[in-house]
C-alpha atoms as a PDB file:
ATOM      1  CA  MET A   1      15.166  -8.990  57.154  1.00  0.00           C
ATOM      2  CA  GLU A   2      14.843  -6.009  54.828  1.00  0.00           C
ATOM      3  CA  ARG A   3      11.710  -3.912  55.077  1.00  0.00           C
ATOM      4  CA  GLU A   4      10.476  -1.669  52.266  1.00  0.00           C
ATOM      5  CA  GLU A   5       7.215   0.161  51.705  1.00  0.00           C
ATOM      6  CA  GLU A   6       5.912  -2.465  49.282  1.00  0.00           C
ATOM      7  CA  SER A   7       7.398  -5.641  50.745  1.00  0.00           C
ATOM      8  CA  ILE A   8       9.521  -7.436  53.336  1.00  0.00           C
ATOM      9  CA  LEU A   9      12.486  -9.552  52.230  1.00  0.00           C
ATOM     10  CA  VAL A  10      13.610 -12.388  54.508  1.00  0.00           C
ATOM     11  CA  ARG A  11      17.171 -13.669  54.175  1.00  0.00           C
ATOM     12  CA  SER A  12      18.860 -16.746  55.609  1.00  0.00           C
ATOM     13  CA  VAL A  13      21.687 -16.543  58.147  1.00  0.00           C
ATOM     14  CA  SER A  14      24.120 -16.837  55.227  1.00  0.00           C
ATOM     15  CA  GLY A  15      22.488 -13.872  53.478  1.00  0.00           C
ATOM     16  CA  LYS A  16      20.550 -15.769  50.805  1.00  0.00           C
ATOM     17  CA  SER A  17      17.048 -14.622  49.876  1.00  0.00           C
ATOM     18  CA  VAL A  18      14.395 -16.979  51.286  1.00  0.00           C
ATOM     19  CA  LEU A  19      11.155 -15.164  50.471  1.00  0.00           C
ATOM     20  CA  ARG A  20       9.528 -11.805  49.969  1.00  0.00           C
ATOM     21  CA  TYR A  21       6.145 -10.939  51.488  1.00  0.00           C
ATOM     22  CA  ILE A  22       4.358  -8.459  49.227  1.00  0.00           C
ATOM     23  CA  ARG A  23       2.403  -5.819  51.161  1.00  0.00           C
ATOM     24  CA  ARG A  24       1.341  -3.578  48.287  1.00  0.00           C
ATOM     25  CA  ARG A  25       2.154  -4.735  44.738  1.00  0.00           C
ATOM     26  CA  ALA A  26       5.044  -6.741  43.367  1.00  0.00           C
ATOM     27  CA  PRO A  27       7.589  -4.702  41.374  1.00  0.00           C
ATOM     28  CA  GLY A  28       6.731  -4.853  37.693  1.00  0.00           C
ATOM     29  CA  GLU A  29       3.409  -6.648  38.247  1.00  0.00           C
ATOM     30  CA  LYS A  30       0.561  -5.626  35.981  1.00  0.00           C
ATOM     31  CA  ALA A  31      -2.680  -4.490  37.595  1.00  0.00           C
ATOM     32  CA  PRO A  32      -4.079  -7.557  39.380  1.00  0.00           C
ATOM     33  CA  THR A  33      -7.615  -8.884  38.947  1.00  0.00           C
ATOM     34  CA  VAL A  34      -8.350  -8.033  42.573  1.00  0.00           C
ATOM     35  CA  GLU A  35      -6.525  -5.012  43.967  1.00  0.00           C
ATOM     36  CA  GLY A  36      -4.259  -5.225  46.952  1.00  0.00           C
ATOM     37  CA  ALA A  37      -1.587  -7.770  47.678  1.00  0.00           C
ATOM     38  CA  CYS A  38      -0.676  -9.734  50.836  1.00  0.00           C
ATOM     39  CA  PHE A  39       0.988 -12.739  49.231  1.00  0.00           C
ATOM     40  CA  THR A  40       4.449 -14.342  49.160  1.00  0.00           C
ATOM     41  CA  HIS A  41       6.696 -14.198  46.085  1.00  0.00           C
ATOM     42  CA  PRO A  42       9.386 -15.100  45.340  1.00  0.00           C
ATOM     43  CA  ILE A  43      10.147 -18.172  47.446  1.00  0.00           C
ATOM     44  CA  TYR A  44      13.512 -19.898  46.962  1.00  0.00           C
ATOM     45  CA  THR A  45      15.153 -23.175  47.950  1.00  0.00           C
ATOM     46  CA  PRO A  46      18.430 -23.105  49.938  1.00  0.00           C
ATOM     47  CA  GLU A  47      20.350 -23.452  46.644  1.00  0.00           C
ATOM     48  CA  GLY A  48      18.530 -20.439  45.219  1.00  0.00           C
ATOM     49  CA  GLU A  49      16.021 -22.191  42.944  1.00  0.00           C
ATOM     50  CA  LEU A  50      12.845 -20.153  42.428  1.00  0.00           C
ATOM     51  CA  VAL A  51       9.728 -22.215  43.260  1.00  0.00           C
ATOM     52  CA  THR A  52       6.889 -19.663  42.945  1.00  0.00           C
ATOM     53  CA  ASP A  53       5.410 -17.903  39.931  1.00  0.00           C
ATOM     54  CA  LEU A  54       3.733 -14.489  39.779  1.00  0.00           C
ATOM     55  CA  ALA A  55       0.604 -13.649  37.799  1.00  0.00           C
ATOM     56  CA  PRO A  56       1.023 -15.843  34.692  1.00  0.00           C
ATOM     57  CA  ALA A  57      -0.574 -14.317  31.612  1.00  0.00           C
ATOM     58  CA  ASP A  58      -3.402 -16.852  31.441  1.00  0.00           C
ATOM     59  CA  HIS A  59      -4.239 -16.710  35.183  1.00  0.00           C
ATOM     60  CA  PRO A  60      -2.995 -13.365  36.609  1.00  0.00           C
ATOM     61  CA  TYR A  61      -4.765 -13.867  39.931  1.00  0.00           C
ATOM     62  CA  LEU A  62      -2.383 -16.744  40.817  1.00  0.00           C
ATOM     63  CA  ARG A  63       0.286 -14.895  42.786  1.00  0.00           C
ATOM     64  CA  GLY A  64       2.946 -17.024  44.486  1.00  0.00           C
ATOM     65  CA  VAL A  65       1.470 -18.228  47.775  1.00  0.00           C
ATOM     66  CA  PHE A  66      -1.770 -16.505  48.738  1.00  0.00           C
ATOM     67  CA  CYS A  67      -5.138 -16.984  50.433  1.00  0.00           C
ATOM     68  CA  GLY A  68      -8.456 -15.985  48.863  1.00  0.00           C
ATOM     69  CA  TRP A  69     -11.942 -17.257  48.104  1.00  0.00           C
ATOM     70  CA  THR A  70     -14.197 -16.817  45.107  1.00  0.00           C
ATOM     71  CA  GLU A  71     -17.125 -15.603  47.186  1.00  0.00           C
ATOM     72  CA  LEU A  72     -17.476 -14.281  50.720  1.00  0.00           C
ATOM     73  CA  GLN A  73     -20.811 -13.067  52.027  1.00  0.00           C
ATOM     74  CA  GLY A  74     -20.640 -10.808  55.083  1.00  0.00           C
ATOM     75  CA  ASP A  75     -21.547  -7.159  55.531  1.00  0.00           C
ATOM     76  CA  LYS A  76     -20.798  -7.092  51.794  1.00  0.00           C
ATOM     77  CA  LYS A  77     -20.344  -9.782  49.155  1.00  0.00           C
ATOM     78  CA  GLY A  78     -17.541 -10.321  46.680  1.00  0.00           C
ATOM     79  CA  ASP A  79     -14.675 -12.282  45.162  1.00  0.00           C
ATOM     80  CA  TRP A  80     -11.269 -12.094  46.858  1.00  0.00           C
ATOM     81  CA  TRP A  81      -9.741 -14.832  44.668  1.00  0.00           C
ATOM     82  CA  GLY A  82     -10.105 -12.941  41.410  1.00  0.00           C
ATOM     83  CA  GLY A  83     -10.749 -15.652  38.834  1.00  0.00           C
ATOM     84  CA  SER A  84     -14.490 -16.220  39.003  1.00  0.00           C
ATOM     85  CA  ALA A  85     -16.612 -15.291  35.995  1.00  0.00           C
ATOM     86  CA  GLY A  86     -19.302 -12.828  36.987  1.00  0.00           C
ATOM     87  CA  ALA A  87     -18.286 -12.539  40.647  1.00  0.00           C
ATOM     88  CA  LEU A  88     -18.059  -9.104  42.240  1.00  0.00           C
ATOM     89  CA  LYS A  89     -14.412  -7.982  42.144  1.00  0.00           C
ATOM     90  CA  GLU A  90     -14.480  -4.204  41.752  1.00  0.00           C
ATOM     91  CA  GLY A  91     -13.424  -2.470  44.948  1.00  0.00           C
ATOM     92  CA  ARG A  92     -12.333  -5.752  46.557  1.00  0.00           C
ATOM     93  CA  LEU A  93      -8.841  -5.849  48.013  1.00  0.00           C
ATOM     94  CA  VAL A  94      -6.707  -7.343  50.748  1.00  0.00           C
ATOM     95  CA  LEU A  95      -4.985  -4.497  52.566  1.00  0.00           C
ATOM     96  CA  ASN A  96      -1.984  -4.860  54.858  1.00  0.00           C
ATOM     97  CA  ARG A  97      -2.461  -2.694  57.942  1.00  0.00           C
ATOM     98  CA  ALA A  98       0.510  -3.750  60.059  1.00  0.00           C
ATOM     99  CA  ALA A  99       3.683  -5.816  59.746  1.00  0.00           C
ATOM    100  CA  THR A 100       6.162  -6.662  62.485  1.00  0.00           C
ATOM    101  CA  GLY A 101       9.146  -8.992  62.468  1.00  0.00           C
ATOM    102  CA  THR A 102      11.098 -11.081  64.937  1.00  0.00           C
ATOM    103  CA  GLU A 103      14.410 -12.912  64.588  1.00  0.00           C
ATOM    104  CA  THR A 104      15.940 -15.556  66.836  1.00  0.00           C
ATOM    105  CA  GLY A 105      18.862 -17.884  66.372  1.00  0.00           C
ATOM    106  CA  ARG A 106      16.593 -20.629  65.033  1.00  0.00           C
ATOM    107  CA  SER A 107      13.824 -18.868  63.128  1.00  0.00           C
ATOM    108  CA  THR A 108      12.532 -15.630  61.663  1.00  0.00           C
ATOM    109  CA  GLY A 109       8.945 -14.516  62.099  1.00  0.00           C
ATOM    110  CA  LEU A 110       6.504 -12.059  60.569  1.00  0.00           C
ATOM    111  CA  ARG A 111       3.179 -10.995  62.010  1.00  0.00           C
ATOM    112  CA  LEU A 112       0.887  -9.463  59.385  1.00  0.00           C
ATOM    113  CA  VAL A 113      -2.471  -7.817  60.034  1.00  0.00           C
ATOM    114  CA  ASN A 114      -4.602  -7.679  56.887  1.00  0.00           C
ATOM    115  CA  SER A 115      -8.109  -6.465  56.110  1.00  0.00           C
ATOM    116  CA  TRP A 116     -10.294  -8.021  53.394  1.00  0.00           C
ATOM    117  CA  ARG A 117     -12.276  -5.069  52.124  1.00  0.00           C
ATOM    118  CA  ALA A 118     -15.180  -4.400  49.826  1.00  0.00           C
ATOM    119  CA  GLU A 119     -14.865  -0.728  48.961  1.00  0.00           C
ATOM    120  CA  SER A 120     -14.521   0.860  52.430  1.00  0.00           C
ATOM    121  CA  THR A 121     -16.126  -2.017  54.351  1.00  0.00           C
ATOM    122  CA  SER A 122     -14.048  -4.626  56.138  1.00  0.00           C
ATOM    123  CA  VAL A 123     -15.579  -8.049  55.521  1.00  0.00           C
ATOM    124  CA  LEU A 124     -12.881 -10.186  57.136  1.00  0.00           C
ATOM    125  CA  GLU A 125      -9.920  -9.438  59.410  1.00  0.00           C
ATOM    126  CA  GLU A 126      -6.780 -11.574  59.049  1.00  0.00           C
ATOM    127  CA  VAL A 127      -3.822 -12.047  61.356  1.00  0.00           C
ATOM    128  CA  LEU A 128      -1.095 -14.114  59.700  1.00  0.00           C
ATOM    129  CA  THR A 129       1.946 -15.378  61.562  1.00  0.00           C
ATOM    130  CA  LEU A 130       4.643 -16.556  59.156  1.00  0.00           C
ATOM    131  CA  THR A 131       7.611 -18.421  60.653  1.00  0.00           C
ATOM    132  CA  ILE A 132      10.729 -19.336  58.653  1.00  0.00           C
ATOM    133  CA  SER A 133      13.201 -22.012  59.754  1.00  0.00           C
ATOM    134  CA  THR A 134      15.420 -24.658  58.145  1.00  0.00           C
ATOM    135  CA  ALA A 135      15.588 -28.440  57.676  1.00  0.00           C
ATOM    136  CA  PRO A 136      17.960 -30.659  55.669  1.00  0.00           C
ATOM    137  CA  GLN A 137      18.161 -29.313  52.070  1.00  0.00           C
ATOM    138  CA  SER A 138      15.057 -27.187  52.648  1.00  0.00           C
ATOM    139  CA  TYR A 139      13.427 -24.229  54.286  1.00  0.00           C
ATOM    140  CA  VAL A 140      10.351 -24.650  56.482  1.00  0.00           C
ATOM    141  CA  LEU A 141       7.683 -21.953  56.137  1.00  0.00           C
ATOM    142  CA  ASP A 142       4.764 -22.058  58.575  1.00  0.00           C
ATOM    143  CA  TYR A 143       1.633 -20.040  57.765  1.00  0.00           C
ATOM    144  CA  ASP A 144      -0.803 -19.575  60.661  1.00  0.00           C
ATOM    145  CA  TYR A 145      -3.978 -17.658  59.796  1.00  0.00           C
ATOM    146  CA  GLN A 146      -6.586 -16.286  62.210  1.00  0.00           C
ATOM    147  CA  LEU A 147      -9.621 -15.089  60.235  1.00  0.00           C
ATOM    148  CA  THR A 148     -12.368 -13.182  62.050  1.00  0.00           C
ATOM    149  CA  PRO A 149     -15.504 -11.277  60.981  1.00  0.00           C
ATOM    150  CA  PRO A 150     -15.061  -7.670  62.173  1.00  0.00           C
ATOM    151  CA  THR A 151     -18.714  -7.242  63.199  1.00  0.00           C
ATOM    152  CA  SER A 152     -21.511  -9.411  64.568  1.00  0.00           C
ATOM    153  CA  THR A 153     -22.439 -10.337  60.989  1.00  0.00           C
ATOM    154  CA  SER A 154     -21.415 -13.896  60.156  1.00  0.00           C
ATOM    155  CA  VAL A 155     -19.267 -14.467  57.074  1.00  0.00           C
ATOM    156  CA  VAL A 156     -20.136 -17.327  54.734  1.00  0.00           C
ATOM    157  CA  ILE A 157     -17.535 -18.779  52.383  1.00  0.00           C
ATOM    158  CA  SER A 158     -19.517 -20.109  49.431  1.00  0.00           C
ATOM    159  CA  PRO A 159     -18.844 -23.606  48.047  1.00  0.00           C
ATOM    160  CA  SER A 160     -16.255 -23.866  45.284  1.00  0.00           C
ATOM    161  CA  PRO A 161     -13.886 -26.620  44.093  1.00  0.00           C
ATOM    162  CA  PHE A 162     -10.997 -24.190  44.636  1.00  0.00           C
ATOM    163  CA  GLY A 163     -10.167 -21.348  47.000  1.00  0.00           C
ATOM    164  CA  GLY A 164      -8.331 -20.714  50.230  1.00  0.00           C
ATOM    165  CA  PHE A 165      -4.602 -21.309  50.635  1.00  0.00           C
ATOM    166  CA  CYS A 166      -2.961 -21.724  47.237  1.00  0.00           C
ATOM    167  CA  TYR A 167       0.510 -22.408  45.848  1.00  0.00           C
ATOM    168  CA  ARG A 168       1.387 -21.516  42.258  1.00  0.00           C
ATOM    169  CA  ALA A 169       4.653 -23.212  41.254  1.00  0.00           C
ATOM    170  CA  MET A 170       7.233 -21.854  38.857  1.00  0.00           C
ATOM    171  CA  PRO A 171       7.102 -24.250  35.864  1.00  0.00           C
ATOM    172  CA  GLY A 172      10.470 -25.753  35.053  1.00  0.00           C
ATOM    173  CA  GLY A 173      10.925 -29.028  33.178  1.00  0.00           C
ATOM    174  CA  SER A 174       9.266 -32.347  33.932  1.00  0.00           C
ATOM    175  CA  LEU A 175       6.891 -32.473  36.891  1.00  0.00           C
ATOM    176  CA  VAL A 176       6.258 -35.256  39.389  1.00  0.00           C
ATOM    177  CA  ILE A 177       3.573 -34.900  42.056  1.00  0.00           C
ATOM    178  CA  THR A 178       4.053 -37.046  45.149  1.00  0.00           C
ATOM    179  CA  GLY A 179       1.893 -37.816  48.173  1.00  0.00           C
ATOM    180  CA  PRO A 180       2.380 -39.932  51.293  1.00  0.00           C
ATOM    181  CA  ASP A 181       1.889 -43.132  49.253  1.00  0.00           C
ATOM    182  CA  GLY A 182       4.273 -42.163  46.448  1.00  0.00           C
ATOM    183  CA  PRO A 183       3.897 -40.560  42.986  1.00  0.00           C
ATOM    184  CA  VAL A 184       0.317 -39.564  42.104  1.00  0.00           C
ATOM    185  CA  ASP A 185      -1.122 -40.034  38.606  1.00  0.00           C
ATOM    186  CA  LEU A 186      -4.651 -38.729  39.209  1.00  0.00           C
ATOM    187  CA  PRO A 187      -6.066 -36.448  36.485  1.00  0.00           C
ATOM    188  CA  ASP A 188      -6.040 -32.697  37.037  1.00  0.00           C
ATOM    189  CA  SER A 189      -8.865 -31.232  39.106  1.00  0.00           C
ATOM    190  CA  LEU A 190     -11.578 -29.438  37.157  1.00  0.00           C
ATOM    191  CA  PRO A 191     -12.636 -25.932  38.233  1.00  0.00           C
ATOM    192  CA  SER A 192     -16.343 -26.715  37.782  1.00  0.00           C
ATOM    193  CA  HIS A 193     -16.456 -30.172  39.401  1.00  0.00           C
ATOM    194  CA  ALA A 194     -15.651 -30.525  43.103  1.00  0.00           C
ATOM    195  CA  LYS A 195     -15.731 -34.323  42.813  1.00  0.00           C
ATOM    196  CA  SER A 196     -12.649 -34.124  40.575  1.00  0.00           C
ATOM    197  CA  ASN A 197     -10.596 -32.757  43.474  1.00  0.00           C
ATOM    198  CA  TRP A 198      -7.853 -34.980  44.797  1.00  0.00           C
ATOM    199  CA  PRO A 199      -8.604 -36.851  48.035  1.00  0.00           C
ATOM    200  CA  VAL A 200      -7.902 -35.638  51.532  1.00  0.00           C
ATOM    201  CA  SER A 201      -4.175 -35.918  52.239  1.00  0.00           C
ATOM    202  CA  ARG A 202      -1.824 -34.527  54.837  1.00  0.00           C
ATOM    203  CA  TRP A 203       0.560 -33.402  52.068  1.00  0.00           C
ATOM    204  CA  TYR A 204       1.357 -33.279  48.373  1.00  0.00           C
ATOM    205  CA  ASP A 205       4.582 -32.239  46.664  1.00  0.00           C
ATOM    206  CA  MET A 206       5.419 -30.722  43.272  1.00  0.00           C
ATOM    207  CA  THR A 207       8.988 -31.395  42.091  1.00  0.00           C
ATOM    208  CA  TYR A 208      10.456 -30.315  38.745  1.00  0.00           C
ATOM    209  CA  THR A 209      13.510 -31.596  36.891  1.00  0.00           C
ATOM    210  CA  THR A 210      14.958 -29.144  34.383  1.00  0.00           C
ATOM    211  CA  SER A 211      16.681 -30.008  31.118  1.00  0.00           C
ATOM    212  CA  ASP A 212      20.097 -29.584  32.775  1.00  0.00           C
ATOM    213  CA  GLY A 213      19.170 -32.023  35.561  1.00  0.00           C
ATOM    214  CA  THR A 214      18.424 -29.534  38.352  1.00  0.00           C
ATOM    215  CA  VAL A 215      15.820 -30.958  40.734  1.00  0.00           C
ATOM    216  CA  SER A 216      13.821 -28.812  43.156  1.00  0.00           C
ATOM    217  CA  GLY A 217      10.285 -28.563  44.459  1.00  0.00           C
ATOM    218  CA  LEU A 218       7.908 -27.703  47.263  1.00  0.00           C
ATOM    219  CA  SER A 219       5.823 -29.794  49.656  1.00  0.00           C
ATOM    220  CA  LEU A 220       2.563 -28.382  51.058  1.00  0.00           C
ATOM    221  CA  ILE A 221       1.518 -29.828  54.419  1.00  0.00           C
ATOM    222  CA  ASP A 222      -2.082 -29.462  55.623  1.00  0.00           C
ATOM    223  CA  HIS A 223      -2.276 -29.260  59.419  1.00  0.00           C
ATOM    224  CA  PRO A 224      -4.396 -32.060  60.951  1.00  0.00           C
ATOM    225  CA  ALA A 225      -6.465 -29.524  62.930  1.00  0.00           C
ATOM    226  CA  ASN A 226      -7.585 -27.663  59.797  1.00  0.00           C
ATOM    227  CA  PRO A 227     -11.123 -28.233  58.496  1.00  0.00           C
ATOM    228  CA  ARG A 228     -11.411 -31.181  56.140  1.00  0.00           C
ATOM    229  CA  SER A 229     -10.009 -30.325  52.704  1.00  0.00           C
ATOM    230  CA  THR A 230      -9.996 -31.971  49.337  1.00  0.00           C
ATOM    231  CA  TRP A 231      -7.263 -30.723  47.041  1.00  0.00           C
ATOM    232  CA  TYR A 232      -7.578 -28.730  43.853  1.00  0.00           C
ATOM    233  CA  VAL A 233      -4.427 -29.827  42.025  1.00  0.00           C
ATOM    234  CA  SER A 234      -3.639 -28.932  38.421  1.00  0.00           C
ATOM    235  CA  ARG A 235      -0.472 -29.761  36.523  1.00  0.00           C
ATOM    236  CA  GLY A 236      -1.633 -27.461  33.743  1.00  0.00           C
ATOM    237  CA  LEU A 237      -1.915 -24.541  36.174  1.00  0.00           C
ATOM    238  CA  HIS A 238       1.017 -25.675  38.358  1.00  0.00           C
ATOM    239  CA  VAL A 239      -1.253 -25.271  41.384  1.00  0.00           C
ATOM    240  CA  MET A 240      -1.862 -27.031  44.700  1.00  0.00           C
ATOM    241  CA  ASN A 241      -4.792 -25.826  46.807  1.00  0.00           C
ATOM    242  CA  PRO A 242      -6.275 -27.614  49.852  1.00  0.00           C
ATOM    243  CA  CYS A 243      -9.881 -26.392  49.743  1.00  0.00           C
ATOM    244  CA  ILE A 244     -12.156 -26.360  52.815  1.00  0.00           C
ATOM    245  CA  VAL A 245     -15.305 -25.438  50.847  1.00  0.00           C
ATOM    246  CA  ALA A 246     -15.193 -27.931  47.958  1.00  0.00           C
ATOM    247  CA  ASP A 247     -18.163 -29.864  49.352  1.00  0.00           C
ATOM    248  CA  SER A 248     -20.094 -27.302  51.409  1.00  0.00           C
ATOM    249  CA  PRO A 249     -20.044 -23.676  52.595  1.00  0.00           C
ATOM    250  CA  PHE A 250     -18.156 -22.613  55.693  1.00  0.00           C
ATOM    251  CA  ASN A 251     -19.621 -20.206  58.264  1.00  0.00           C
ATOM    252  CA  LEU A 252     -17.500 -17.863  60.397  1.00  0.00           C
ATOM    253  CA  SER A 253     -18.892 -16.051  63.418  1.00  0.00           C
ATOM    254  CA  SER A 254     -17.267 -13.169  65.266  1.00  0.00           C
ATOM    255  CA  GLY A 255     -16.835 -15.257  68.395  1.00  0.00           C
ATOM    256  CA  ALA A 256     -15.123 -18.186  66.685  1.00  0.00           C
ATOM    257  CA  PRO A 257     -12.170 -17.223  64.453  1.00  0.00           C
ATOM    258  CA  LEU A 258     -11.200 -19.631  61.694  1.00  0.00           C
ATOM    259  CA  ARG A 259      -7.644 -20.858  62.224  1.00  0.00           C
ATOM    260  CA  LEU A 260      -5.829 -22.331  59.218  1.00  0.00           C
ATOM    261  CA  ARG A 261      -2.260 -23.653  59.383  1.00  0.00           C
ATOM    262  CA  TYR A 262      -0.061 -24.808  56.513  1.00  0.00           C
ATOM    263  CA  ARG A 263       3.607 -25.770  56.281  1.00  0.00           C
ATOM    264  CA  LEU A 264       5.552 -25.238  53.062  1.00  0.00           C
ATOM    265  CA  VAL A 265       8.844 -27.034  52.452  1.00  0.00           C
ATOM    266  CA  PRO A 266      10.795 -25.652  49.455  1.00  0.00           C
ATOM    267  CA  HIS A 267      13.582 -28.156  48.841  1.00  0.00           C
ATOM    268  CA  ASP A 268      16.567 -28.972  46.655  1.00  0.00           C
ATOM    269  CA  GLY A 269      16.707 -32.441  45.124  1.00  0.00           C
ATOM    270  CA  PRO A 270      13.858 -34.968  45.079  1.00  0.00           C
ATOM    271  CA  VAL A 271      11.231 -34.888  47.799  1.00  0.00           C
ATOM    272  CA  GLN A 272      12.165 -37.007  50.822  1.00  0.00           C
ATOM    273  CA  PRO A 273       8.916 -38.558  52.142  1.00  0.00           C
ATOM    274  CA  THR A 274      10.515 -39.657  55.420  1.00  0.00           C
ATOM    275  CA  GLU A 275      11.667 -36.091  56.070  1.00  0.00           C
ATOM    276  CA  ILE A 276       8.217 -34.710  55.195  1.00  0.00           C
ATOM    277  CA  ALA A 277       6.679 -37.229  57.603  1.00  0.00           C
ATOM    278  CA  LYS A 278       8.940 -35.896  60.366  1.00  0.00           C
ATOM    279  CA  LEU A 279       8.034 -32.315  59.523  1.00  0.00           C
ATOM    280  CA  LEU A 280       4.342 -33.234  59.530  1.00  0.00           C
ATOM    281  CA  ALA A 281       4.688 -34.856  62.953  1.00  0.00           C
ATOM    282  CA  SER A 282       6.471 -31.858  64.441  1.00  0.00           C
ATOM    283  CA  PHE A 283       3.938 -29.492  62.848  1.00  0.00           C
ATOM    284  CA  ALA A 284       1.030 -31.464  64.305  1.00  0.00           C
ATOM    285  CA  ARG A 285       2.573 -31.235  67.783  1.00  0.00           C
END
């Protein structure tokens, strides 16, 4: 693990880069739509294939793996996703306040304390535990969020077809999206129509095959204890996003933190549904 002012780089036992957690701003990144950082990019497979993208020109608020919503209403109101027309974004940021790391023989862990701020007001406090381990031909990245209003004021996450935990893939060749029942040919979700979201599923996978035959991808597993989510999935945006507020708002109170858990599996070669099923089962336990 290599810690810098702007980021923390996690390496495998063999010294390969696994991921970088961005605490401030990614090197070379243009000014983001919403200030602050607290996202993961790059993420690699064990063979070194890059599976995340950073701030594409047409959608600069899509930054690797991140968590944000288009509208939170607490002590102040605003957009911490960054892509909503007309939403309040000025002065909104996600600020990293603390970062600690642990390493064992089997896994590496990060504990991040982040504050979702509107100007100088904290609207939401986040504690993220990120655990990195390995599986056959893949890494296993577990994201465990605890989200709590900092005052007695409840926080309301407004309804939106997209928002929350999001993965932006690095485009690379032909794309196949797979779910538990096999390849999925549903049309892309539409940002203005929640009913176009893909159905509730424990996981989906994006795998790309390049022109030279290299195959790699990433599976996103939604923990069974999470609130019900439909999925905003777009091949055009190279995005997978299990959304807890597609159908209705979500209310957070100071006495009941929102816990969200997701498992990412960046892998070399085609997705192996039987292996993902095992990783889902162990994650659920």
